[in-house]
Amino acid sequence: MWLFVLLCGRTTFAKDGRTVPSLPDRFLVARHTFIDVGPPNDFYEIISVRGTANGTTVERVTLTPAGDACMQPPTVEMAASSLPDPVSVVLEGRNPCAIPDKALRKELKRRKRGLVFSGAEISMHVQCGGRERIIRADVLDRDMFDPNAATPETTSWTMRLLTRLDKPFPSGVWDRPITAGLTEPAGGTVPNGDADRALASGAYDRLFAGAPDRPSDLYRASQIRPPAPDVLLRSRNLFAPNIPRLQGLHE
């Protein structure tokens, strides 16, 4: 089952006797992007990262709610690629298991200060010493567009991490036109196999607790194609143009 298998890292000991889980070689990222222009206004991405002998594999499922009932039905897209760097380099050598909970809570409080119109709610799910650890970060619109936003350390690191993960196949969420439903999805394929079953069963719903939509609902809705519109011509009135009158207008 791809996308939901997490490795239990080994445990090492620091000089002061504290246990420090080793750097994980796989993790899962859930990203809920909300935009103040739409619909759709929300986008959901599930990103699986796994180390291999040749680098790092990255697999992503993108779920988009319906924008317009007739022209923009819900969509589910899947993309997969790889990075030449090992997971340790992708993580910049930083161990997510070592990030203090206190620092994470402090950074999340920023959202209460000032208005937030767009952004992304991100959670990294990783195994640390036999238990799952969730690294939460809120990327606000000012973090994205204000060069003087003073983005805190872990949030800034999370943004750089996602930039590297998006490099093989750019997310494109921010670049999608409002009328995106009038065109084919930008790249990717419809998920199948294990990813298909995991979405349908609701295995990923808990990754987006508190979000407006659940991945399982979006997946099921995407399987129901909207009916093609029927156009019926009820009457037809043909008339011939009044040539003399038209000529008189130009005299």
C-alpha atoms as a PDB file:
ATOM      1  CA  MET A   1       0.000   0.000   0.000  1.00  0.00           C
ATOM      2  CA  TRP A   2       1.782   3.097  -1.202  1.00  0.00           C
ATOM      3  CA  LEU A   3       1.353   6.481   0.476  1.00  0.00           C
ATOM      4  CA  PHE A   4       0.464   5.202   3.941  1.00  0.00           C
ATOM      5  CA  VAL A   5       3.374   3.005   4.991  1.00  0.00           C
ATOM      6  CA  LEU A   6       5.644   4.651   7.555  1.00  0.00           C
ATOM      7  CA  LEU A   7       8.948   3.327   8.774  1.00  0.00           C
ATOM      8  CA  CYS A   8       9.705   2.989  12.464  1.00  0.00           C
ATOM      9  CA  GLY A   9      13.100   4.621  12.782  1.00  0.00           C
ATOM     10  CA  ARG A  10      15.828   3.273  14.982  1.00  0.00           C
ATOM     11  CA  THR A  11      16.642   4.993  18.248  1.00  0.00           C
ATOM     12  CA  THR A  12      20.016   6.425  19.235  1.00  0.00           C
ATOM     13  CA  PHE A  13      21.149   7.986  22.496  1.00  0.00           C
ATOM     14  CA  ALA A  14      22.484  11.470  23.081  1.00  0.00           C
ATOM     15  CA  LYS A  15      25.398  12.176  25.441  1.00  0.00           C
ATOM     16  CA  ASP A  16      23.019  13.308  28.168  1.00  0.00           C
ATOM     17  CA  GLY A  17      21.126  10.009  28.006  1.00  0.00           C
ATOM     18  CA  ARG A  18      18.116  11.294  26.077  1.00  0.00           C
ATOM     19  CA  THR A  19      16.722   9.032  23.369  1.00  0.00           C
ATOM     20  CA  VAL A  20      16.811  10.600  19.914  1.00  0.00           C
ATOM     21  CA  PRO A  21      14.987   8.804  17.062  1.00  0.00           C
ATOM     22  CA  SER A  22      17.099   8.524  13.947  1.00  0.00           C
ATOM     23  CA  LEU A  23      16.374  10.526  10.827  1.00  0.00           C
ATOM     24  CA  PRO A  24      13.370   8.870   9.090  1.00  0.00           C
ATOM     25  CA  ASP A  25      13.703   7.633   5.522  1.00  0.00           C
ATOM     26  CA  ARG A  26      10.034   8.126   4.656  1.00  0.00           C
ATOM     27  CA  PHE A  27       7.177  10.375   5.639  1.00  0.00           C
ATOM     28  CA  LEU A  28       3.769  11.609   4.535  1.00  0.00           C
ATOM     29  CA  VAL A  29       2.672  15.222   3.969  1.00  0.00           C
ATOM     30  CA  ALA A  30      -0.928  16.445   3.864  1.00  0.00           C
ATOM     31  CA  ARG A  31      -1.410  19.923   2.374  1.00  0.00           C
ATOM     32  CA  HIS A  32      -4.718  21.790   2.386  1.00  0.00           C
ATOM     33  CA  THR A  33      -4.438  24.940   0.289  1.00  0.00           C
ATOM     34  CA  PHE A  34      -7.190  27.546   0.642  1.00  0.00           C
ATOM     35  CA  ILE A  35      -7.542  30.450  -1.777  1.00  0.00           C
ATOM     36  CA  ASP A  36      -9.855  33.463  -1.574  1.00  0.00           C
ATOM     37  CA  VAL A  37     -10.562  33.348  -5.323  1.00  0.00           C
ATOM     38  CA  GLY A  38     -12.790  30.654  -6.735  1.00  0.00           C
ATOM     39  CA  PRO A  39     -14.626  28.377  -6.645  1.00  0.00           C
ATOM     40  CA  PRO A  40     -13.033  25.989  -6.051  1.00  0.00           C
ATOM     41  CA  ASN A  41     -11.417  27.567  -3.002  1.00  0.00           C
ATOM     42  CA  ASP A  42      -9.826  24.482  -1.442  1.00  0.00           C
ATOM     43  CA  PHE A  43      -7.313  21.947  -2.720  1.00  0.00           C
ATOM     44  CA  TYR A  44      -6.098  18.792  -0.978  1.00  0.00           C
ATOM     45  CA  GLU A  45      -2.784  17.056  -1.613  1.00  0.00           C
ATOM     46  CA  ILE A  46      -1.377  13.844  -0.123  1.00  0.00           C
ATOM     47  CA  ILE A  47       2.365  13.529  -0.718  1.00  0.00           C
ATOM     48  CA  SER A  48       4.271  10.335   0.030  1.00  0.00           C
ATOM     49  CA  VAL A  49       8.075  10.533   0.298  1.00  0.00           C
ATOM     50  CA  ARG A  50      10.269   7.442   0.486  1.00  0.00           C
ATOM     51  CA  GLY A  51      14.001   6.932   0.311  1.00  0.00           C
ATOM     52  CA  THR A  52      15.445   4.460  -2.206  1.00  0.00           C
ATOM     53  CA  ALA A  53      18.896   3.266  -3.211  1.00  0.00           C
ATOM     54  CA  ASN A  54      18.954   5.876  -5.976  1.00  0.00           C
ATOM     55  CA  GLY A  55      17.451   8.855  -4.193  1.00  0.00           C
ATOM     56  CA  THR A  56      13.905   9.698  -3.135  1.00  0.00           C
ATOM     57  CA  THR A  57      10.545   8.813  -4.674  1.00  0.00           C
ATOM     58  CA  VAL A  58       7.686  11.292  -4.437  1.00  0.00           C
ATOM     59  CA  GLU A  59       4.038  10.390  -5.088  1.00  0.00           C
ATOM     60  CA  ARG A  60       1.190  12.869  -4.889  1.00  0.00           C
ATOM     61  CA  VAL A  61      -2.587  12.693  -5.048  1.00  0.00           C
ATOM     62  CA  THR A  62      -4.455  15.983  -5.615  1.00  0.00           C
ATOM     63  CA  LEU A  63      -8.164  16.271  -4.854  1.00  0.00           C
ATOM     64  CA  THR A  64     -10.138  19.290  -6.032  1.00  0.00           C
ATOM     65  CA  PRO A  65     -13.758  19.941  -4.997  1.00  0.00           C
ATOM     66  CA  ALA A  66     -16.398  20.931  -7.526  1.00  0.00           C
ATOM     67  CA  GLY A  67     -16.340  24.515  -8.671  1.00  0.00           C
ATOM     68  CA  ASP A  68     -19.493  24.516 -10.793  1.00  0.00           C
ATOM     69  CA  ALA A  69     -21.961  21.649 -10.760  1.00  0.00           C
ATOM     70  CA  CYS A  70     -22.109  21.513 -14.556  1.00  0.00           C
ATOM     71  CA  MET A  71     -18.659  22.599 -15.724  1.00  0.00           C
ATOM     72  CA  GLN A  72     -16.269  21.873 -12.831  1.00  0.00           C
ATOM     73  CA  PRO A  73     -16.880  18.457 -11.219  1.00  0.00           C
ATOM     74  CA  PRO A  74     -14.576  17.167  -8.448  1.00  0.00           C
ATOM     75  CA  THR A  75     -11.298  15.748  -9.729  1.00  0.00           C
ATOM     76  CA  VAL A  76      -8.654  13.360  -8.402  1.00  0.00           C
ATOM     77  CA  GLU A  77      -5.192  13.358  -9.976  1.00  0.00           C
ATOM     78  CA  MET A  78      -2.070  11.328  -9.255  1.00  0.00           C
ATOM     79  CA  ALA A  79       1.554  12.044 -10.146  1.00  0.00           C
ATOM     80  CA  ALA A  80       4.798  10.232  -9.305  1.00  0.00           C
ATOM     81  CA  SER A  81       8.448  11.067  -9.832  1.00  0.00           C
ATOM     82  CA  SER A  82      11.814  10.907  -8.096  1.00  0.00           C
ATOM     83  CA  LEU A  83      14.582  13.136  -6.787  1.00  0.00           C
ATOM     84  CA  PRO A  84      18.279  12.263  -7.095  1.00  0.00           C
ATOM     85  CA  ASP A  85      18.988  13.304  -3.482  1.00  0.00           C
ATOM     86  CA  PRO A  86      18.499  11.035  -0.445  1.00  0.00           C
ATOM     87  CA  VAL A  87      15.799  11.857   2.089  1.00  0.00           C
ATOM     88  CA  SER A  88      18.404  13.324   4.453  1.00  0.00           C
ATOM     89  CA  VAL A  89      19.265  15.979   1.860  1.00  0.00           C
ATOM     90  CA  VAL A  90      15.604  16.618   1.040  1.00  0.00           C
ATOM     91  CA  LEU A  91      15.090  17.301   4.749  1.00  0.00           C
ATOM     92  CA  GLU A  92      18.189  19.545   4.812  1.00  0.00           C
ATOM     93  CA  GLY A  93      19.631  17.186   7.413  1.00  0.00           C
ATOM     94  CA  ARG A  94      16.961  18.247   9.890  1.00  0.00           C
ATOM     95  CA  ASN A  95      15.269  15.520  11.914  1.00  0.00           C
ATOM     96  CA  PRO A  96      11.512  16.219  12.201  1.00  0.00           C
ATOM     97  CA  CYS A  97      11.432  13.990  15.274  1.00  0.00           C
ATOM     98  CA  ALA A  98      13.678  16.471  17.085  1.00  0.00           C
ATOM     99  CA  ILE A  99      11.505  19.579  16.555  1.00  0.00           C
ATOM    100  CA  PRO A 100      10.124  20.640  19.969  1.00  0.00           C
ATOM    101  CA  ASP A 101       6.343  20.635  20.394  1.00  0.00           C
ATOM    102  CA  LYS A 102       6.566  23.994  22.166  1.00  0.00           C
ATOM    103  CA  ALA A 103       8.128  25.609  19.100  1.00  0.00           C
ATOM    104  CA  LEU A 104       5.397  24.193  16.851  1.00  0.00           C
ATOM    105  CA  ARG A 105       2.619  25.508  19.088  1.00  0.00           C
ATOM    106  CA  LYS A 106       4.206  28.946  19.220  1.00  0.00           C
ATOM    107  CA  GLU A 107       4.400  29.198  15.429  1.00  0.00           C
ATOM    108  CA  LEU A 108       0.779  28.112  14.965  1.00  0.00           C
ATOM    109  CA  LYS A 109      -0.405  31.035  17.123  1.00  0.00           C
ATOM    110  CA  ARG A 110       0.592  33.469  14.345  1.00  0.00           C
ATOM    111  CA  ARG A 111      -2.640  32.750  12.489  1.00  0.00           C
ATOM    112  CA  LYS A 112      -4.610  34.539  15.194  1.00  0.00           C
ATOM    113  CA  ARG A 113      -2.751  37.774  14.495  1.00  0.00           C
ATOM    114  CA  GLY A 114      -4.085  39.686  11.504  1.00  0.00           C
ATOM    115  CA  LEU A 115      -6.332  38.690   8.640  1.00  0.00           C
ATOM    116  CA  VAL A 116      -5.584  35.578   6.589  1.00  0.00           C
ATOM    117  CA  PHE A 117      -7.238  35.256   3.179  1.00  0.00           C
ATOM    118  CA  SER A 118      -5.193  32.473   1.587  1.00  0.00           C
ATOM    119  CA  GLY A 119      -2.571  29.960   2.655  1.00  0.00           C
ATOM    120  CA  ALA A 120      -1.869  26.314   3.325  1.00  0.00           C
ATOM    121  CA  GLU A 121      -2.392  24.042   6.331  1.00  0.00           C
ATOM    122  CA  ILE A 122       0.382  21.453   6.312  1.00  0.00           C
ATOM    123  CA  SER A 123       0.961  18.375   8.430  1.00  0.00           C
ATOM    124  CA  MET A 124       3.911  16.011   8.144  1.00  0.00           C
ATOM    125  CA  HIS A 125       3.251  12.500   9.466  1.00  0.00           C
ATOM    126  CA  VAL A 126       6.363  10.566  10.427  1.00  0.00           C
ATOM    127  CA  GLN A 127       7.270   7.687  12.730  1.00  0.00           C
ATOM    128  CA  CYS A 128       9.494   8.701  15.642  1.00  0.00           C
ATOM    129  CA  GLY A 129      10.674   5.935  17.942  1.00  0.00           C
ATOM    130  CA  GLY A 130       7.688   3.698  17.224  1.00  0.00           C
ATOM    131  CA  ARG A 131       5.000   6.385  17.443  1.00  0.00           C
ATOM    132  CA  GLU A 132       3.543   8.729  14.881  1.00  0.00           C
ATOM    133  CA  ARG A 133       4.595  12.348  15.108  1.00  0.00           C
ATOM    134  CA  ILE A 134       2.669  15.130  13.377  1.00  0.00           C
ATOM    135  CA  ILE A 135       4.581  18.272  12.461  1.00  0.00           C
ATOM    136  CA  ARG A 136       2.029  21.060  11.875  1.00  0.00           C
ATOM    137  CA  ALA A 137       2.699  24.303  10.059  1.00  0.00           C
ATOM    138  CA  ASP A 138       0.452  27.065   8.734  1.00  0.00           C
ATOM    139  CA  VAL A 139       1.830  28.864   5.699  1.00  0.00           C
ATOM    140  CA  LEU A 140       0.001  32.192   5.501  1.00  0.00           C
ATOM    141  CA  ASP A 141      -0.460  34.480   2.517  1.00  0.00           C
ATOM    142  CA  ARG A 142       2.047  36.921   3.968  1.00  0.00           C
ATOM    143  CA  ASP A 143       4.647  34.131   4.134  1.00  0.00           C
ATOM    144  CA  MET A 144       4.172  33.609   0.402  1.00  0.00           C
ATOM    145  CA  PHE A 145       3.961  37.172  -0.852  1.00  0.00           C
ATOM    146  CA  ASP A 146       5.513  39.508   1.735  1.00  0.00           C
ATOM    147  CA  PRO A 147       9.342  39.588   1.595  1.00  0.00           C
ATOM    148  CA  ASN A 148       9.353  40.969   5.155  1.00  0.00           C
ATOM    149  CA  ALA A 149       6.963  38.453   6.666  1.00  0.00           C
ATOM    150  CA  ALA A 150       9.492  37.226   9.251  1.00  0.00           C
ATOM    151  CA  THR A 151       8.367  33.623   8.720  1.00  0.00           C
ATOM    152  CA  PRO A 152       9.429  31.500  11.730  1.00  0.00           C
ATOM    153  CA  GLU A 153      12.020  28.754  11.476  1.00  0.00           C
ATOM    154  CA  THR A 154       9.974  25.549  11.179  1.00  0.00           C
ATOM    155  CA  THR A 155       7.384  27.115   8.871  1.00  0.00           C
ATOM    156  CA  SER A 156      10.156  28.428   6.628  1.00  0.00           C
ATOM    157  CA  TRP A 157      11.797  24.989   6.593  1.00  0.00           C
ATOM    158  CA  THR A 158       8.458  23.389   5.697  1.00  0.00           C
ATOM    159  CA  MET A 159       8.036  25.796   2.778  1.00  0.00           C
ATOM    160  CA  ARG A 160      11.497  24.928   1.435  1.00  0.00           C
ATOM    161  CA  LEU A 161      10.775  21.216   1.839  1.00  0.00           C
ATOM    162  CA  LEU A 162       7.565  21.452  -0.182  1.00  0.00           C
ATOM    163  CA  THR A 163       9.325  23.490  -2.851  1.00  0.00           C
ATOM    164  CA  ARG A 164      11.772  20.592  -3.314  1.00  0.00           C
ATOM    165  CA  LEU A 165       8.980  18.000  -3.328  1.00  0.00           C
ATOM    166  CA  ASP A 166       7.028  20.020  -5.909  1.00  0.00           C
ATOM    167  CA  LYS A 167      10.008  20.386  -8.238  1.00  0.00           C
ATOM    168  CA  PRO A 168       9.490  17.132 -10.253  1.00  0.00           C
ATOM    169  CA  PHE A 169       5.823  17.996 -10.906  1.00  0.00           C
ATOM    170  CA  PRO A 170       4.767  21.514  -9.836  1.00  0.00           C
ATOM    171  CA  SER A 171       1.552  21.544  -7.838  1.00  0.00           C
ATOM    172  CA  GLY A 172       0.001  24.270  -9.989  1.00  0.00           C
ATOM    173  CA  VAL A 173      -2.773  24.921  -7.465  1.00  0.00           C
ATOM    174  CA  TRP A 174      -2.088  28.655  -7.364  1.00  0.00           C
ATOM    175  CA  ASP A 175      -1.849  28.854 -11.165  1.00  0.00           C
ATOM    176  CA  ARG A 176      -5.131  27.153 -11.980  1.00  0.00           C
ATOM    177  CA  PRO A 177      -7.680  29.443 -13.661  1.00  0.00           C
ATOM    178  CA  ILE A 178     -11.121  29.915 -12.158  1.00  0.00           C
ATOM    179  CA  THR A 179     -12.500  28.124 -15.219  1.00  0.00           C
ATOM    180  CA  ALA A 180     -10.156  25.159 -14.719  1.00  0.00           C
ATOM    181  CA  GLY A 181     -13.070  22.762 -15.038  1.00  0.00           C
ATOM    182  CA  LEU A 182     -13.482  23.741 -18.697  1.00  0.00           C
ATOM    183  CA  THR A 183     -10.142  22.146 -19.535  1.00  0.00           C
ATOM    184  CA  GLU A 184      -8.500  18.801 -18.850  1.00  0.00           C
ATOM    185  CA  PRO A 185      -6.598  18.404 -15.531  1.00  0.00           C
ATOM    186  CA  ALA A 186      -3.007  19.563 -15.762  1.00  0.00           C
ATOM    187  CA  GLY A 187      -1.006  16.338 -15.957  1.00  0.00           C
ATOM    188  CA  GLY A 188      -1.215  13.238 -13.788  1.00  0.00           C
ATOM    189  CA  THR A 189      -3.481  10.230 -13.932  1.00  0.00           C
ATOM    190  CA  VAL A 190      -6.460   9.002 -11.994  1.00  0.00           C
ATOM    191  CA  PRO A 191      -5.283   6.905  -9.001  1.00  0.00           C
ATOM    192  CA  ASN A 192      -5.814   3.177  -9.031  1.00  0.00           C
ATOM    193  CA  GLY A 193      -4.922   0.116  -7.004  1.00  0.00           C
ATOM    194  CA  ASP A 194      -3.874   0.791  -3.405  1.00  0.00           C
ATOM    195  CA  ALA A 195      -4.267   4.570  -3.678  1.00  0.00           C
ATOM    196  CA  ASP A 196      -7.756   4.131  -5.082  1.00  0.00           C
ATOM    197  CA  ARG A 197      -8.810   1.821  -2.240  1.00  0.00           C
ATOM    198  CA  ALA A 198      -7.224   4.019   0.438  1.00  0.00           C
ATOM    199  CA  LEU A 199      -9.092   7.094  -0.787  1.00  0.00           C
ATOM    200  CA  ALA A 200     -12.397   5.255  -1.034  1.00  0.00           C
ATOM    201  CA  SER A 201     -12.060   3.730   2.447  1.00  0.00           C
ATOM    202  CA  GLY A 202     -11.411   7.068   4.132  1.00  0.00           C
ATOM    203  CA  ALA A 203      -7.870   6.156   5.192  1.00  0.00           C
ATOM    204  CA  TYR A 204      -6.709   9.726   4.519  1.00  0.00           C
ATOM    205  CA  ASP A 205      -9.644  11.597   6.025  1.00  0.00           C
ATOM    206  CA  ARG A 206      -7.895  12.036   9.360  1.00  0.00           C
ATOM    207  CA  LEU A 207      -5.053  13.897   7.658  1.00  0.00           C
ATOM    208  CA  PHE A 208      -7.393  16.838   7.020  1.00  0.00           C
ATOM    209  CA  ALA A 209      -9.273  17.090  10.295  1.00  0.00           C
ATOM    210  CA  GLY A 210     -11.127  20.400  10.453  1.00  0.00           C
ATOM    211  CA  ALA A 211     -10.929  21.041   6.690  1.00  0.00           C
ATOM    212  CA  PRO A 212     -14.135  21.763   4.740  1.00  0.00           C
ATOM    213  CA  ASP A 213     -13.958  18.503   2.758  1.00  0.00           C
ATOM    214  CA  ARG A 214     -12.993  14.877   3.317  1.00  0.00           C
ATOM    215  CA  PRO A 215     -10.822  13.091   0.731  1.00  0.00           C
ATOM    216  CA  SER A 216     -13.152  10.070   0.691  1.00  0.00           C
ATOM    217  CA  ASP A 217     -16.151  12.267  -0.167  1.00  0.00           C
ATOM    218  CA  LEU A 218     -14.225  14.047  -2.918  1.00  0.00           C
ATOM    219  CA  TYR A 219     -13.035  10.733  -4.337  1.00  0.00           C
ATOM    220  CA  ARG A 220     -16.533   9.248  -4.481  1.00  0.00           C
ATOM    221  CA  ALA A 221     -17.946  12.438  -5.998  1.00  0.00           C
ATOM    222  CA  SER A 222     -15.227  12.426  -8.668  1.00  0.00           C
ATOM    223  CA  GLN A 223     -16.387   8.985  -9.825  1.00  0.00           C
ATOM    224  CA  ILE A 224     -19.825  10.375 -10.729  1.00  0.00           C
ATOM    225  CA  ARG A 225     -19.521  12.167 -14.019  1.00  0.00           C
ATOM    226  CA  PRO A 226     -22.030  14.988 -14.535  1.00  0.00           C
ATOM    227  CA  PRO A 227     -24.576  14.389 -17.298  1.00  0.00           C
ATOM    228  CA  ALA A 228     -23.853  16.038 -20.631  1.00  0.00           C
ATOM    229  CA  PRO A 229     -26.106  19.057 -21.174  1.00  0.00           C
ATOM    230  CA  ASP A 230     -28.935  18.568 -23.653  1.00  0.00           C
ATOM    231  CA  VAL A 231     -29.717  21.434 -26.026  1.00  0.00           C
ATOM    232  CA  LEU A 232     -33.125  21.400 -27.706  1.00  0.00           C
ATOM    233  CA  LEU A 233     -34.108  23.886 -30.420  1.00  0.00           C
ATOM    234  CA  ARG A 234     -37.828  24.545 -29.883  1.00  0.00           C
ATOM    235  CA  SER A 235     -38.450  27.013 -32.694  1.00  0.00           C
ATOM    236  CA  ARG A 236     -36.694  28.599 -35.628  1.00  0.00           C
ATOM    237  CA  ASN A 237     -37.651  31.875 -37.269  1.00  0.00           C
ATOM    238  CA  LEU A 238     -35.821  32.627 -40.465  1.00  0.00           C
ATOM    239  CA  PHE A 239     -36.033  36.032 -42.083  1.00  0.00           C
ATOM    240  CA  ALA A 240     -34.466  37.644 -45.093  1.00  0.00           C
ATOM    241  CA  PRO A 241     -32.626  40.934 -44.621  1.00  0.00           C
ATOM    242  CA  ASN A 242     -34.214  44.068 -46.034  1.00  0.00           C
ATOM    243  CA  ILE A 243     -31.544  44.904 -48.640  1.00  0.00           C
ATOM    244  CA  PRO A 244     -32.993  48.278 -49.821  1.00  0.00           C
ATOM    245  CA  ARG A 245     -33.290  49.515 -46.251  1.00  0.00           C
ATOM    246  CA  LEU A 246     -29.713  48.518 -45.483  1.00  0.00           C
ATOM    247  CA  GLN A 247     -28.514  50.316 -48.585  1.00  0.00           C
ATOM    248  CA  GLY A 248     -30.376  53.448 -47.561  1.00  0.00           C
ATOM    249  CA  LEU A 249     -28.487  53.569 -44.296  1.00  0.00           C
ATOM    250  CA  HIS A 250     -25.220  54.058 -46.159  1.00  0.00           C
ATOM    251  CA  GLU A 251     -26.454  56.851 -48.456  1.00  0.00           C
END
